[in-house]
């Protein structure tokens, strides 16, 4: 049996209000024990210590003794430079890796998928599973697969099958 670990995203919060999370769909699933929220206390899975930070919440400091520290982060990350979208704050991937000091950061909020590697670590933004605008017409839905390896960890995209004729 598999258990699902997740974060509270901006679309999960009724009226973007964190205090209303229990009234949301994901809050009901958490109350029923179907999902668990990641947080400042790491989930230990083999050599991985997985931390989480919800939308508009602080980033926990990883324990430096963690074999492989992983941050699941719901915040805006840009691949190279901040996009010119008025009112949208965020960090570049390089800045997030330097600032947060995790071996691997898995981020969401930016709808486009990308990975960035630096001497500080790896950041993969998983993007979205569905197309939400015309500029995502060529986007192929994907999930990130991370596995333990001799070098620490390996990662790759697993592309999901879909009917191209159904895309409009």
Protein backbone atom coordinates (compact mmCIF):
# COMPACT_ATOMS: atom_id res chain seq x y z
CA UNK A 1 0.00 0.00 0.00
CA UNK A 2 1.31 3.43 -0.93
CA UNK A 3 0.89 6.54 1.17
CA UNK A 4 0.86 10.01 -0.40
CA UNK A 5 2.86 12.94 1.00
CA UNK A 6 2.10 16.42 -0.27
CA UNK A 7 2.17 20.16 0.39
CA UNK A 8 -0.49 22.79 0.76
CA UNK A 9 -0.48 24.85 -2.40
CA UNK A 10 -2.10 28.19 -3.13
CA UNK A 11 -4.94 26.51 -5.06
CA UNK A 12 -5.62 24.15 -2.14
CA UNK A 13 -6.41 26.98 0.29
CA UNK A 14 -9.95 28.39 0.19
CA UNK A 15 -9.59 32.10 -0.60
CA UNK A 16 -5.77 31.57 -0.34
CA UNK A 17 -6.27 31.51 3.45
CA UNK A 18 -4.01 29.02 5.31
CA UNK A 19 -6.37 28.90 8.28
CA UNK A 20 -9.08 27.39 6.03
CA UNK A 21 -7.01 24.40 4.86
CA UNK A 22 -9.12 21.94 6.91
CA UNK A 23 -12.15 23.09 4.88
CA UNK A 24 -10.45 22.28 1.56
CA UNK A 25 -10.42 19.05 -0.43
CA UNK A 26 -6.82 18.33 0.49
CA UNK A 27 -7.57 19.16 4.14
CA UNK A 28 -10.35 16.57 4.19
CA UNK A 29 -7.99 13.98 2.66
CA UNK A 30 -5.40 14.78 5.34
CA UNK A 31 -7.99 14.53 8.14
CA UNK A 32 -9.07 11.14 6.74
CA UNK A 33 -5.47 9.88 6.76
CA UNK A 34 -5.30 9.51 2.97
CA UNK A 35 -2.46 12.03 2.60
CA UNK A 36 0.11 13.52 4.97
CA UNK A 37 1.69 16.94 4.76
CA UNK A 38 5.45 17.26 4.57
CA UNK A 39 7.02 19.84 6.87
CA UNK A 40 10.01 20.83 9.01
CA UNK A 41 10.33 17.34 10.51
CA UNK A 42 11.89 15.24 7.77
CA UNK A 43 10.37 12.10 6.36
CA UNK A 44 13.19 9.56 6.31
CA UNK A 45 13.19 7.20 3.34
CA UNK A 46 16.42 5.25 2.87
CA UNK A 47 19.21 7.83 2.57
CA UNK A 48 16.71 10.60 1.79
CA UNK A 49 15.50 13.08 4.41
CA UNK A 50 12.54 14.86 2.84
CA UNK A 51 11.38 18.23 4.15
CA UNK A 52 8.48 20.31 2.89
CA UNK A 53 7.43 23.92 2.81
CA UNK A 54 3.90 24.93 1.97
CA UNK A 55 2.85 27.93 -0.09
CA UNK A 56 4.07 31.18 1.54
CA UNK A 57 5.72 29.35 4.48
CA UNK A 58 9.32 29.46 5.67
CA UNK A 59 11.91 26.95 4.49
CA UNK A 60 13.16 24.52 7.16
CA UNK A 61 16.93 24.28 7.69
CA UNK A 62 18.17 20.80 6.78
CA UNK A 63 20.18 18.77 9.25
CA UNK A 64 23.71 18.71 7.82
CA UNK A 65 24.05 15.08 8.92
CA UNK A 66 21.33 14.08 6.43
CA UNK A 67 22.76 11.71 3.85
CA UNK A 68 20.65 13.30 1.10
CA UNK A 69 18.52 16.31 2.05
CA UNK A 70 15.48 16.93 -0.14
CA UNK A 71 13.22 19.97 -0.03
CA UNK A 72 9.76 19.83 -1.60
CA UNK A 73 8.98 23.51 -2.08
CA UNK A 74 5.79 25.24 -3.20
CA UNK A 75 7.11 28.58 -4.35
CA UNK A 76 7.95 30.37 -7.58
CA UNK A 77 11.30 29.39 -9.06
CA UNK A 78 12.53 30.67 -12.41
CA UNK A 79 15.03 28.64 -14.50
CA UNK A 80 17.58 31.39 -15.28
CA UNK A 81 16.31 34.85 -14.51
CA UNK A 82 13.18 36.25 -12.99
CA UNK A 83 10.37 36.46 -15.51
CA UNK A 84 8.85 39.86 -16.10
CA UNK A 85 5.41 39.10 -14.69
CA UNK A 86 4.19 42.06 -12.61
CA UNK A 87 3.42 41.14 -9.01
CA UNK A 88 4.95 37.64 -9.18
CA UNK A 89 7.89 37.22 -6.83
CA UNK A 90 10.31 34.33 -6.90
CA UNK A 91 13.90 33.12 -6.97
CA UNK A 92 16.13 31.83 -9.72
CA UNK A 93 17.03 28.15 -9.46
CA UNK A 94 20.69 29.00 -8.76
CA UNK A 95 19.73 31.43 -6.00
CA UNK A 96 17.36 28.91 -4.36
CA UNK A 97 20.07 26.20 -4.38
CA UNK A 98 22.63 28.56 -2.81
CA UNK A 99 20.16 29.97 -0.28
CA UNK A 100 18.40 26.81 0.94
CA UNK A 101 21.42 24.42 0.99
CA UNK A 102 19.64 21.16 0.08
CA UNK A 103 21.09 18.40 -2.10
CA UNK A 104 17.83 18.28 -4.09
CA UNK A 105 14.98 20.77 -4.31
CA UNK A 106 11.75 19.70 -5.98
CA UNK A 107 9.68 22.81 -6.59
CA UNK A 108 6.28 23.64 -7.91
CA UNK A 109 4.24 26.77 -8.64
CA UNK A 110 5.93 27.64 -11.94
CA UNK A 111 3.89 25.67 -14.50
CA UNK A 112 6.85 24.92 -16.78
CA UNK A 113 9.16 21.96 -16.09
CA UNK A 114 12.95 22.34 -15.87
CA UNK A 115 16.00 21.11 -13.95
CA UNK A 116 19.11 23.07 -12.94
CA UNK A 117 22.35 21.57 -11.58
CA UNK A 118 25.03 23.57 -9.74
CA UNK A 119 27.83 22.74 -7.32
CA UNK A 120 25.24 23.41 -4.56
CA UNK A 121 22.82 20.71 -5.74
CA UNK A 122 19.97 20.00 -8.12
CA UNK A 123 16.66 21.83 -8.46
CA UNK A 124 13.84 20.32 -10.51
CA UNK A 125 10.64 22.24 -11.03
CA UNK A 126 8.00 19.65 -11.86
CA UNK A 127 5.60 22.02 -13.59
CA UNK A 128 1.97 21.07 -14.02
CA UNK A 129 0.25 17.90 -15.17
CA UNK A 130 -2.29 19.77 -17.29
CA UNK A 131 -2.03 22.57 -19.81
CA UNK A 132 -3.48 25.77 -18.46
CA UNK A 133 -2.66 28.18 -21.26
CA UNK A 134 -1.93 28.26 -25.00
CA UNK A 135 1.83 28.67 -24.43
CA UNK A 136 1.86 25.17 -22.88
CA UNK A 137 0.46 23.51 -26.04
CA UNK A 138 3.69 21.51 -26.60
CA UNK A 139 4.08 20.66 -22.89
CA UNK A 140 4.16 16.93 -22.23
CA UNK A 141 2.96 16.00 -18.74
CA UNK A 142 5.69 14.38 -16.63
CA UNK A 143 6.66 13.31 -13.15
CA UNK A 144 10.11 13.36 -11.58
CA UNK A 145 11.65 10.02 -10.56
CA UNK A 146 14.49 10.13 -8.01
CA UNK A 147 16.50 7.04 -7.09
CA UNK A 148 19.43 6.29 -4.81
CA UNK A 149 22.72 5.73 -6.68
CA UNK A 150 26.42 5.26 -5.94
CA UNK A 151 26.91 9.00 -6.48
CA UNK A 152 24.05 9.83 -4.08
CA UNK A 153 20.99 10.05 -6.31
CA UNK A 154 19.91 10.02 -9.92
CA UNK A 155 16.84 11.71 -11.36
CA UNK A 156 14.93 11.66 -14.60
CA UNK A 157 11.59 12.66 -16.06
CA UNK A 158 8.96 9.98 -16.61
CA UNK A 159 6.72 11.24 -19.41
CA UNK A 160 3.04 10.42 -19.13
CA UNK A 161 1.10 9.08 -22.08
CA UNK A 162 -1.70 11.23 -23.43
CA UNK A 163 -3.82 11.55 -26.54
CA UNK A 164 -2.25 14.33 -28.65
CA UNK A 165 -5.47 14.62 -30.70
CA UNK A 166 -7.35 15.56 -27.52
CA UNK A 167 -5.14 18.63 -26.98
CA UNK A 168 -6.70 21.84 -28.22
